[in-house]
Amino acid sequence: MTLEGARARLEPRRRRPSLPVHVAALSSTVAGIAMVLGAIVDQVDGGPDVAALVLCGVPTTLVGLVVWRGTEVPKEVRTLEVFVTVTVAWMALAVVGAVPYLATGRLTAPDQALFESISGFTTTGATILRPIAETSQGLLFYRALTQWIGGMGVIVLVIAVLPTVGSGAMNLMTAEAPGPAGERLSPRVRHTARNLWSVYVGFTLAVVAAYVLAGMSLFDGFAHAFTTVSTGGFSPHNGSLAHFDSAAIEWIAIASMFLAGGSFALYYRALRGQVRPLLRSFEFGAYAAIVIGATAIVFAAAEVDASVAAHVRDSFFTITSVVSTTGYATADFGEWSQGAQIVVMLLLPIGAMAGSTAGGVKLVRVLAIASFAHRAALSQLHPRLVRPVRVGARALPEEIATRIVGFMVLALVVFGGGALLIALTGPDMITSFSAAASSFGNVGPGLGDVGPAYDYLTLPWTARVVTMAQMLLGRLEIYPVILALSVVTLRRRLHTASD
């Protein structure tokens, strides 16, 4: 062997610079670990899916680690590459996450497994896994974990645990985080990610303890805490939380869902002694007012045969579940009066606060649009008026306000276009509109044939394809997906032109 050959063997292999592949590999590794944890739970329970989950989880974890080690973050990360990375990572996560449903034999159609996986990671909570009682605890635990991982964001987890993303980390967090802009809790992005996840984990453990003390088993406590804190809504029982028939459990869920719809950054500051920003948050006050006001309207409008206490609890539960986009159900609100159903329909795509685990367009954008519209109206009287767009007392930079207006226009197109496409496959108007609103808002159950008493298997598979696209667009908030698709389209055009 020559001296040059010996040096080449001793020198570390050069890694391939690729941010999308690097992050997608790490994201897949996280999914693989979740599968292994599901196998452990199934082993403890004596379930039938231990081998299938291990055979899915171990190779997924190993391949993800190998690909991660074989790639690296480029020295310069362009903004467009960040959006492509987020989209690629989430699509890889959805595809990899579908494998356990097929490997265990619980679902046999690839499109159904992909639907359940996307619904899990996007914390939508729409399901086709019925009856749930026929599913092993290991697979159900994995299913709940997909929502918990997707709630705070898998890329945020990657940045927090493995500091290998390097430059562009804050842009990645901003692109994945729900809301118009990310927020630093520390000068270092990795510390910000860790702080957010520390609050998230602590909140989850507190909810586990509360559920168990209220009468849940340890498995149910963890499974429901994962899907409550993430505002996902998957439950190991067909009846959701109504399965337990416990007022205490429902009130714990109401409080937890409401808190999960708030900003985790504000919670971190409050835990550090800075309570004033939370108490003075105009968005948080508006969020609380909407939940209380909508609950009062639904309580007055819904015509139900139940005691006053039960009706108050069901109204509060349903509105909190819808506004926080959790999707749990204790009552079939599809049987309520038309007025109450309209309130639910209007709330489906809105969502809660920016910086929460909730889906939807986010309340801060709705408030900003209201201020933008007010300014536009005043400008008709005063053409030279200079007035910033505000959310409460906080003035938004003009570039963020413009971005919010563009996002809301795109959101209307995605929602309206999705509803039209779903309707063209056969469902009635109420089902089509509520399925589109619920999927884009990452809520889960809607009205009509996708109400709490039904599942998304009632939709044709072509309609479910539309809802899957809307789930991803809703969770990633449109821009990353559109920009990633624009890159693919541009490359195809250039390749065609070169030929």
Protein backbone atom coordinates (compact mmCIF):
# COMPACT_ATOMS: atom_id res chain seq x y z
CA MET A 1 0.00 0.00 0.00
CA THR A 2 1.34 3.42 -0.92
CA LEU A 3 1.82 6.22 1.59
CA GLU A 4 -0.98 8.24 -0.03
CA GLY A 5 -3.34 5.26 0.22
CA ALA A 6 -2.57 4.78 3.91
CA ARG A 7 -3.21 8.46 4.60
CA ALA A 8 -6.52 8.27 2.72
CA ARG A 9 -7.64 5.34 4.86
CA LEU A 10 -6.64 7.08 8.09
CA GLU A 11 -8.29 10.37 7.21
CA PRO A 12 -12.02 10.63 8.01
CA ARG A 13 -14.28 10.35 5.05
CA ARG A 14 -15.59 13.61 3.76
CA ARG A 15 -19.26 14.05 4.50
CA ARG A 16 -21.67 15.14 1.83
CA PRO A 17 -23.02 18.65 2.50
CA SER A 18 -26.82 18.43 2.46
CA LEU A 19 -29.02 20.16 5.00
CA PRO A 20 -32.28 18.46 3.86
CA VAL A 21 -30.84 14.93 4.00
CA HIS A 22 -29.00 15.65 7.27
CA VAL A 23 -32.11 16.87 9.10
CA ALA A 24 -34.42 14.29 7.48
CA ALA A 25 -32.08 11.50 8.67
CA LEU A 26 -32.16 12.80 12.23
CA SER A 27 -35.94 13.16 12.09
CA SER A 28 -36.28 9.56 10.91
CA THR A 29 -34.03 8.48 13.76
CA VAL A 30 -36.43 10.10 16.23
CA ALA A 31 -39.31 8.18 14.65
CA GLY A 32 -37.32 4.94 14.91
CA ILE A 33 -36.73 5.50 18.62
CA ALA A 34 -40.48 6.05 19.09
CA MET A 35 -41.12 2.67 17.42
CA VAL A 36 -38.67 0.96 19.79
CA LEU A 37 -40.38 2.57 22.79
CA GLY A 38 -43.68 1.24 21.46
CA ALA A 39 -42.13 -2.23 21.28
CA ILE A 40 -41.04 -1.98 24.92
CA VAL A 41 -44.57 -1.04 26.00
CA ASP A 42 -46.01 -3.91 23.99
CA GLN A 43 -43.51 -6.30 25.58
CA VAL A 44 -44.58 -5.20 29.07
CA ASP A 45 -48.24 -5.60 28.10
CA GLY A 46 -47.61 -8.99 26.45
CA GLY A 47 -48.93 -7.70 23.14
CA PRO A 48 -48.53 -9.25 19.69
CA ASP A 49 -46.61 -6.44 17.95
CA VAL A 50 -43.25 -6.52 19.74
CA ALA A 51 -41.33 -8.12 16.86
CA ALA A 52 -42.94 -5.94 14.20
CA LEU A 53 -42.19 -2.72 16.09
CA VAL A 54 -38.60 -3.79 16.78
CA LEU A 55 -38.06 -4.75 13.13
CA CYS A 56 -39.35 -1.32 12.15
CA GLY A 57 -37.66 0.73 14.84
CA VAL A 58 -34.13 -0.65 14.96
CA PRO A 59 -33.39 -0.47 11.19
CA THR A 60 -35.02 2.96 10.96
CA THR A 61 -32.86 4.25 13.80
CA LEU A 62 -29.65 2.72 12.43
CA VAL A 63 -30.20 3.86 8.84
CA GLY A 64 -31.06 7.34 10.06
CA LEU A 65 -27.87 7.52 12.12
CA VAL A 66 -25.73 6.21 9.24
CA VAL A 67 -27.15 8.75 6.78
CA TRP A 68 -26.76 11.49 9.36
CA ARG A 69 -23.10 10.59 9.90
CA GLY A 70 -22.56 10.56 6.16
CA THR A 71 -23.85 14.08 5.68
CA GLU A 72 -23.14 17.49 7.12
CA VAL A 73 -24.58 20.97 7.18
CA PRO A 74 -23.22 23.22 4.41
CA LYS A 75 -21.08 26.15 5.50
CA GLU A 76 -23.60 28.55 4.03
CA VAL A 77 -27.31 27.85 4.40
CA ARG A 78 -29.67 29.77 2.15
CA THR A 79 -33.16 30.70 3.32
CA LEU A 80 -34.77 28.74 0.50
CA GLU A 81 -32.83 25.64 1.53
CA VAL A 82 -34.29 25.97 5.03
CA PHE A 83 -37.85 25.75 3.71
CA VAL A 84 -36.94 22.77 1.53
CA THR A 85 -35.35 21.08 4.54
CA VAL A 86 -38.42 21.48 6.75
CA THR A 87 -40.70 20.10 4.03
CA VAL A 88 -38.41 17.16 3.19
CA ALA A 89 -37.92 16.27 6.86
CA TRP A 90 -41.64 16.23 7.57
CA MET A 91 -42.47 14.23 4.46
CA ALA A 92 -39.77 11.69 5.35
CA LEU A 93 -41.15 11.53 8.88
CA ALA A 94 -44.67 10.88 7.55
CA VAL A 95 -43.54 8.07 5.22
CA VAL A 96 -41.30 6.38 7.78
CA GLY A 97 -43.97 6.78 10.46
CA ALA A 98 -46.51 4.88 8.36
CA VAL A 99 -44.45 1.66 8.29
CA PRO A 100 -45.44 0.29 11.77
CA TYR A 101 -49.14 0.39 10.87
CA LEU A 102 -48.41 -1.82 7.86
CA ALA A 103 -45.83 -4.04 9.56
CA THR A 104 -48.18 -4.90 12.42
CA GLY A 105 -50.99 -5.62 9.97
CA ARG A 106 -53.27 -3.16 11.73
CA LEU A 107 -53.70 -1.27 8.46
CA THR A 108 -53.22 -2.98 5.11
CA ALA A 109 -53.57 -0.10 2.63
CA PRO A 110 -50.50 2.18 2.27
CA ASP A 111 -52.66 5.28 1.84
CA GLN A 112 -54.47 4.54 5.11
CA ALA A 113 -51.20 4.04 6.99
CA LEU A 114 -49.83 7.28 5.53
CA PHE A 115 -53.02 9.10 6.57
CA GLU A 116 -52.69 7.90 10.19
CA SER A 117 -49.01 8.83 10.24
CA ILE A 118 -49.54 12.34 8.84
CA SER A 119 -52.47 12.90 11.17
CA GLY A 120 -50.26 11.85 14.08
CA PHE A 121 -47.15 13.93 13.41
CA THR A 122 -49.18 17.01 12.41
CA THR A 123 -51.22 16.58 15.63
CA THR A 124 -54.44 16.63 13.62
CA GLY A 125 -56.07 13.68 15.37
CA ALA A 126 -58.21 12.58 12.43
CA THR A 127 -58.17 8.80 12.47
CA ILE A 128 -59.13 5.78 10.45
CA LEU A 129 -57.97 3.31 13.11
CA ARG A 130 -61.35 1.91 14.07
CA PRO A 131 -62.16 0.07 16.19
CA ILE A 132 -59.26 1.21 18.33
CA ALA A 133 -59.84 -1.62 20.82
CA GLU A 134 -58.35 -4.07 18.31
CA THR A 135 -55.01 -2.26 18.37
CA SER A 136 -52.13 -3.32 20.66
CA GLN A 137 -50.93 -1.02 23.43
CA GLY A 138 -47.48 -0.87 21.84
CA LEU A 139 -48.82 0.51 18.56
CA LEU A 140 -51.15 2.89 20.41
CA PHE A 141 -48.25 4.15 22.51
CA TYR A 142 -46.22 4.75 19.34
CA ARG A 143 -49.25 6.47 17.80
CA ALA A 144 -49.51 8.83 20.79
CA LEU A 145 -45.76 9.49 20.65
CA THR A 146 -46.02 10.65 17.02
CA GLN A 147 -48.30 13.45 18.18
CA TRP A 148 -46.08 14.34 21.12
CA ILE A 149 -43.05 14.56 18.82
CA GLY A 150 -44.93 16.62 16.27
CA GLY A 151 -46.43 18.95 18.87
CA MET A 152 -43.30 20.91 19.75
CA GLY A 153 -41.66 19.97 16.46
CA VAL A 154 -39.19 17.28 15.54
CA ILE A 155 -36.67 19.79 14.17
CA VAL A 156 -36.77 21.73 17.45
CA LEU A 157 -36.03 18.43 19.19
CA VAL A 158 -33.14 17.71 16.82
CA ILE A 159 -31.63 21.15 17.49
CA ALA A 160 -32.07 20.71 21.25
CA VAL A 161 -30.55 17.23 21.51
CA LEU A 162 -28.03 17.09 18.67
CA PRO A 163 -26.26 20.40 18.02
CA THR A 164 -25.25 19.47 14.49
CA VAL A 165 -27.53 21.69 12.49
CA GLY A 166 -25.17 24.63 12.79
CA SER A 167 -25.91 27.73 10.76
CA GLY A 168 -29.50 28.24 9.83
CA ALA A 169 -30.78 26.67 13.08
CA MET A 170 -32.90 29.69 14.01
CA ASN A 171 -34.32 29.82 10.49
CA LEU A 172 -35.21 26.13 10.77
CA MET A 173 -36.98 26.70 14.07
CA THR A 174 -38.84 29.70 12.67
CA ALA A 175 -39.91 27.76 9.57
CA GLU A 176 -41.23 24.85 11.65
CA ALA A 177 -42.60 26.75 14.65
CA PRO A 178 -46.30 27.63 14.61
CA GLY A 179 -46.77 31.38 14.26
CA PRO A 180 -45.60 34.32 12.16
CA ALA A 181 -42.17 34.59 13.83
CA GLY A 182 -39.93 32.57 16.12
CA GLU A 183 -38.72 33.83 19.49
CA ARG A 184 -35.33 33.48 21.12
CA LEU A 185 -35.26 32.59 24.81
CA SER A 186 -31.47 32.53 24.83
CA PRO A 187 -28.68 33.98 22.68
CA ARG A 188 -27.92 30.44 21.48
CA VAL A 189 -30.55 28.73 19.36
CA ARG A 190 -29.79 25.33 20.88
CA HIS A 191 -30.54 26.69 24.35
CA THR A 192 -33.81 28.16 23.11
CA ALA A 193 -34.82 24.75 21.75
CA ARG A 194 -33.83 23.09 25.02
CA ASN A 195 -35.79 25.61 27.07
CA LEU A 196 -38.93 25.04 25.01
CA TRP A 197 -38.60 21.27 25.26
CA SER A 198 -37.91 21.44 29.01
CA VAL A 199 -41.23 23.25 29.55
CA TYR A 200 -42.92 20.79 27.20
CA VAL A 201 -41.58 17.71 29.02
CA GLY A 202 -42.34 19.15 32.46
CA PHE A 203 -45.89 20.03 31.41
CA THR A 204 -46.37 16.51 30.02
CA LEU A 205 -45.23 14.84 33.24
CA ALA A 206 -47.54 17.08 35.29
CA VAL A 207 -50.51 16.10 33.11
CA VAL A 208 -49.55 12.41 33.41
CA ALA A 209 -49.58 12.72 37.21
CA ALA A 210 -52.93 14.54 37.17
CA TYR A 211 -54.58 11.95 34.92
CA VAL A 212 -53.27 9.01 36.97
CA LEU A 213 -54.38 10.60 40.24
CA ALA A 214 -57.83 11.13 38.69
CA GLY A 215 -58.18 7.40 37.97
CA MET A 216 -56.42 6.60 34.69
CA SER A 217 -54.00 3.69 34.39
CA LEU A 218 -50.32 4.56 33.86
CA PHE A 219 -50.58 3.64 30.18
CA ASP A 220 -53.70 5.76 29.66
CA GLY A 221 -52.11 8.60 31.63
CA PHE A 222 -49.05 8.74 29.39
CA ALA A 223 -50.97 8.14 26.16
CA HIS A 224 -53.49 10.90 26.90
CA ALA A 225 -50.89 13.30 28.30
CA PHE A 226 -48.86 12.95 25.09
CA THR A 227 -51.88 13.81 22.97
CA THR A 228 -53.25 16.51 25.31
CA VAL A 229 -50.08 18.57 25.68
CA SER A 230 -49.39 18.27 21.95
CA THR A 231 -53.04 19.25 21.22
CA GLY A 232 -53.24 16.12 19.09
CA GLY A 233 -56.32 14.35 20.38
CA PHE A 234 -55.52 10.70 19.66
CA SER A 235 -56.99 8.45 22.35
CA PRO A 236 -56.50 4.71 22.94
CA HIS A 237 -60.29 4.41 23.29
CA ASN A 238 -63.09 4.72 20.75
CA GLY A 239 -65.03 7.01 23.08
CA SER A 240 -62.08 9.39 23.57
CA LEU A 241 -62.11 10.87 27.09
CA ALA A 242 -65.83 10.11 27.41
CA HIS A 243 -64.69 6.50 27.83
CA PHE A 244 -63.76 7.23 31.46
CA ASP A 245 -67.07 8.93 32.37
CA SER A 246 -65.20 11.09 34.87
CA ALA A 247 -65.85 14.78 35.47
CA ALA A 248 -62.44 15.11 37.17
CA ILE A 249 -60.58 13.75 34.13
CA GLU A 250 -62.54 16.02 31.80
CA TRP A 251 -61.77 19.15 33.85
CA ILE A 252 -58.09 18.20 33.94
CA ALA A 253 -58.22 17.84 30.15
CA ILE A 254 -59.96 21.22 29.79
CA ALA A 255 -57.29 23.00 31.83
CA SER A 256 -54.46 21.15 30.07
CA MET A 257 -55.82 21.79 26.58
CA PHE A 258 -56.28 25.48 27.37
CA LEU A 259 -52.70 25.80 28.64
CA ALA A 260 -51.35 23.84 25.67
CA GLY A 261 -52.99 26.43 23.41
CA GLY A 262 -50.86 29.16 25.01
CA SER A 263 -47.34 30.27 24.18
CA PHE A 264 -44.65 28.00 25.64
CA ALA A 265 -42.17 30.85 25.39
CA LEU A 266 -44.36 32.94 27.70
CA TYR A 267 -44.69 29.97 30.05
CA TYR A 268 -40.91 29.61 30.19
CA ARG A 269 -40.53 33.27 31.09
CA ALA A 270 -43.26 32.94 33.74
CA LEU A 271 -41.50 29.95 35.29
CA ARG A 272 -38.34 32.06 35.42
CA GLY A 273 -40.20 34.72 37.39
CA GLN A 274 -41.23 36.96 34.49
CA VAL A 275 -44.99 36.62 34.88
CA ARG A 276 -45.86 40.10 33.61
CA PRO A 277 -45.43 39.33 29.86
CA LEU A 278 -47.97 36.50 30.17
CA LEU A 279 -50.47 38.54 32.14
CA ARG A 280 -50.12 41.52 29.80
CA SER A 281 -50.26 39.48 26.60
CA PHE A 282 -53.12 40.83 24.48
CA GLU A 283 -53.16 37.59 22.48
CA PHE A 284 -53.50 35.48 25.64
CA GLY A 285 -56.36 37.68 26.86
CA ALA A 286 -58.11 37.40 23.49
CA TYR A 287 -57.58 33.62 23.54
CA ALA A 288 -59.19 33.30 26.98
CA ALA A 289 -62.05 35.62 25.97
CA ILE A 290 -62.82 33.58 22.85
CA VAL A 291 -62.91 30.31 24.80
CA ILE A 292 -65.17 31.75 27.50
CA GLY A 293 -67.39 33.66 25.07
CA ALA A 294 -67.83 30.76 22.65
CA THR A 295 -68.56 28.42 25.56
CA ALA A 296 -71.32 30.74 26.76
CA ILE A 297 -72.84 30.96 23.27
CA VAL A 298 -72.74 27.20 22.76
CA PHE A 299 -74.20 26.58 26.21
CA ALA A 300 -77.11 28.89 25.40
CA ALA A 301 -77.62 27.70 21.81
CA ALA A 302 -77.09 23.93 22.03
CA GLU A 303 -80.25 21.95 22.68
CA VAL A 304 -79.25 18.92 24.74
CA ASP A 305 -80.92 16.62 27.23
CA ALA A 306 -78.41 16.78 30.08
CA SER A 307 -77.97 18.32 33.51
CA VAL A 308 -76.74 21.90 33.75
CA ALA A 309 -73.38 20.81 35.20
CA ALA A 310 -72.82 18.22 32.46
CA HIS A 311 -73.86 20.69 29.74
CA VAL A 312 -71.50 23.36 31.07
CA ARG A 313 -68.66 20.85 31.13
CA ASP A 314 -69.43 19.51 27.64
CA SER A 315 -69.67 23.05 26.22
CA PHE A 316 -66.41 24.13 27.87
CA PHE A 317 -64.69 20.91 26.84
CA THR A 318 -65.79 21.08 23.20
CA ILE A 319 -64.86 24.74 22.70
CA THR A 320 -61.48 24.35 24.41
CA SER A 321 -60.80 21.23 22.36
CA VAL A 322 -61.70 22.99 19.10
CA VAL A 323 -59.92 26.30 19.77
CA SER A 324 -56.76 24.54 20.98
CA THR A 325 -57.16 22.16 17.97
CA THR A 326 -56.85 19.12 20.26
CA GLY A 327 -59.86 17.29 18.86
CA TYR A 328 -60.92 15.34 21.94
CA ALA A 329 -64.66 14.82 22.29
CA THR A 330 -66.99 14.08 25.17
CA ALA A 331 -70.18 14.94 23.28
CA ASP A 332 -71.29 14.55 19.68
CA PHE A 333 -71.57 18.23 18.78
CA GLY A 334 -72.90 17.13 15.39
CA GLU A 335 -76.19 16.59 17.23
CA TRP A 336 -76.27 20.12 18.64
CA SER A 337 -78.41 22.95 17.23
CA GLN A 338 -77.44 24.64 13.96
CA GLY A 339 -76.34 27.78 15.81
CA ALA A 340 -73.97 25.84 18.08
CA GLN A 341 -72.57 23.93 15.09
CA ILE A 342 -71.87 27.18 13.25
CA VAL A 343 -69.85 28.42 16.23
CA VAL A 344 -67.80 25.21 16.10
CA MET A 345 -67.37 25.51 12.32
CA LEU A 346 -66.11 29.10 12.58
CA LEU A 347 -63.57 28.15 15.25
CA LEU A 348 -62.16 25.07 13.46
CA PRO A 349 -59.51 26.78 11.31
CA ILE A 350 -58.52 29.62 13.69
CA GLY A 351 -56.42 27.88 16.34
CA ALA A 352 -54.92 29.30 19.52
CA MET A 353 -51.77 31.33 20.25
CA ALA A 354 -48.57 31.51 18.25
CA GLY A 355 -45.81 29.55 19.98
CA SER A 356 -48.26 26.91 21.21
CA THR A 357 -48.63 23.34 20.02
CA ALA A 358 -52.01 24.21 18.48
CA GLY A 359 -52.71 24.19 14.76
CA GLY A 360 -54.84 26.62 12.77
CA VAL A 361 -53.91 29.99 11.33
CA LYS A 362 -53.22 31.30 14.87
CA LEU A 363 -55.07 33.98 16.76
CA VAL A 364 -52.28 36.54 16.40
CA ARG A 365 -52.80 36.53 12.64
CA VAL A 366 -56.55 37.04 13.02
CA LEU A 367 -55.90 40.00 15.34
CA ALA A 368 -53.32 41.43 12.94
CA ILE A 369 -55.72 41.11 10.00
CA ALA A 370 -58.40 42.93 12.02
CA SER A 371 -55.93 45.78 12.67
CA PHE A 372 -54.88 45.77 9.01
CA ALA A 373 -58.53 46.05 7.91
CA HIS A 374 -59.11 48.88 10.39
CA ARG A 375 -56.14 50.76 8.97
CA ALA A 376 -57.40 50.21 5.43
CA ALA A 377 -60.80 51.61 6.39
CA LEU A 378 -59.27 54.69 8.04
CA SER A 379 -57.08 55.32 4.99
CA GLN A 380 -60.25 55.90 2.97
CA LEU A 381 -60.84 58.99 5.11
CA HIS A 382 -57.21 59.95 5.61
CA PRO A 383 -55.15 58.88 2.54
CA ARG A 384 -51.88 60.08 4.11
CA LEU A 385 -52.48 58.27 7.37
CA VAL A 386 -49.43 56.51 8.81
CA ARG A 387 -50.61 53.84 11.22
CA PRO A 388 -48.83 50.56 12.08
CA VAL A 389 -50.61 47.22 12.27
CA ARG A 390 -50.98 46.36 15.94
CA VAL A 391 -51.73 43.37 18.10
CA GLY A 392 -52.77 45.01 21.31
CA ALA A 393 -50.17 47.66 22.14
CA ARG A 394 -47.46 45.94 20.08
CA ALA A 395 -46.81 47.36 16.62
CA LEU A 396 -45.84 44.80 14.01
CA PRO A 397 -43.08 45.52 11.49
CA GLU A 398 -44.59 46.21 8.08
CA GLU A 399 -42.85 43.19 6.51
CA ILE A 400 -44.43 40.83 9.07
CA ALA A 401 -47.84 42.44 8.56
CA THR A 402 -47.53 41.99 4.79
CA ARG A 403 -46.45 38.38 5.26
CA ILE A 404 -49.48 37.75 7.47
CA VAL A 405 -51.85 39.15 4.84
CA GLY A 406 -50.24 36.94 2.20
CA PHE A 407 -50.51 33.92 4.46
CA MET A 408 -54.20 34.52 5.15
CA VAL A 409 -54.92 34.79 1.42
CA LEU A 410 -53.12 31.50 0.82
CA ALA A 411 -54.96 29.94 3.76
CA LEU A 412 -58.31 30.86 2.23
CA VAL A 413 -57.20 29.36 -1.09
CA VAL A 414 -56.04 26.12 0.58
CA PHE A 415 -59.19 25.86 2.67
CA GLY A 416 -61.64 26.75 -0.11
CA GLY A 417 -59.84 24.72 -2.77
CA GLY A 418 -59.61 21.74 -0.45
CA ALA A 419 -63.30 21.91 0.40
CA LEU A 420 -64.16 22.03 -3.31
CA LEU A 421 -61.94 19.04 -4.13
CA ILE A 422 -63.40 17.02 -1.26
CA ALA A 423 -66.95 17.87 -2.38
CA LEU A 424 -66.14 16.75 -5.93
CA THR A 425 -65.41 13.25 -4.59
CA GLY A 426 -68.97 12.89 -3.27
CA PRO A 427 -69.43 14.09 0.36
CA ASP A 428 -72.08 16.67 1.21
CA MET A 429 -71.30 20.36 1.69
CA ILE A 430 -71.16 20.32 5.52
CA THR A 431 -68.85 17.32 5.54
CA SER A 432 -66.62 18.82 2.83
CA PHE A 433 -66.25 22.23 4.45
CA SER A 434 -65.73 20.87 7.96
CA ALA A 435 -63.24 18.22 6.77
CA ALA A 436 -61.23 20.91 4.98
CA ALA A 437 -61.37 23.29 7.96
CA SER A 438 -60.53 20.56 10.45
CA SER A 439 -57.66 19.14 8.39
CA PHE A 440 -56.08 22.51 7.62
CA GLY A 441 -56.63 23.61 11.23
CA ASN A 442 -55.15 20.31 12.50
CA VAL A 443 -58.21 19.74 14.70
CA GLY A 444 -59.39 16.23 13.74
CA PRO A 445 -63.14 15.70 14.06
CA GLY A 446 -65.47 18.00 12.17
CA LEU A 447 -69.14 17.97 11.32
CA GLY A 448 -71.30 15.74 9.14
CA ASP A 449 -69.73 12.43 8.18
CA VAL A 450 -66.41 13.33 9.88
CA GLY A 451 -68.00 14.26 13.22
CA PRO A 452 -66.91 12.89 16.62
CA ALA A 453 -69.09 9.78 16.18
CA TYR A 454 -67.44 8.90 12.85
CA ASP A 455 -63.98 8.66 11.30
CA TYR A 456 -62.30 9.64 8.05
CA LEU A 457 -62.85 6.20 6.51
CA THR A 458 -66.27 7.57 5.57
CA LEU A 459 -64.47 9.75 2.99
CA PRO A 460 -63.35 8.35 -0.39
CA TRP A 461 -59.60 7.74 -0.59
CA THR A 462 -59.26 10.61 -3.06
CA ALA A 463 -60.78 12.97 -0.49
CA ARG A 464 -58.37 11.66 2.16
CA VAL A 465 -55.46 12.51 -0.13
CA VAL A 466 -56.71 16.11 -0.13
CA THR A 467 -57.00 16.14 3.66
CA MET A 468 -53.48 14.73 4.02
CA ALA A 469 -52.11 17.59 1.93
CA GLN A 470 -54.09 20.06 4.01
CA MET A 471 -52.78 18.59 7.26
CA LEU A 472 -49.17 19.12 6.12
CA LEU A 473 -49.91 22.59 4.76
CA GLY A 474 -51.64 23.50 8.00
CA ARG A 475 -48.88 22.21 10.29
CA LEU A 476 -46.04 23.73 8.24
CA GLU A 477 -48.08 26.87 7.59
CA ILE A 478 -48.03 26.77 3.79
CA TYR A 479 -44.88 28.73 2.94
CA PRO A 480 -42.26 25.94 3.40
CA VAL A 481 -44.27 23.51 1.25
CA ILE A 482 -44.98 26.01 -1.52
CA LEU A 483 -41.38 27.21 -1.66
CA ALA A 484 -40.09 23.63 -1.67
CA LEU A 485 -42.42 22.77 -4.57
CA SER A 486 -41.24 25.89 -6.40
CA VAL A 487 -37.65 24.63 -6.18
CA VAL A 488 -38.65 21.27 -7.68
CA THR A 489 -40.59 23.00 -10.47
CA LEU A 490 -37.70 25.34 -11.23
CA ARG A 491 -35.21 22.49 -11.42
CA ARG A 492 -37.45 20.58 -13.80
CA ARG A 493 -37.75 23.61 -16.04
CA LEU A 494 -34.00 24.11 -16.09
CA HIS A 495 -33.45 20.41 -16.83
CA THR A 496 -35.98 20.55 -19.69
CA ALA A 497 -34.39 23.68 -21.08
CA SER A 498 -30.91 22.10 -20.99
CA ASP A 499 -32.17 19.07 -22.91
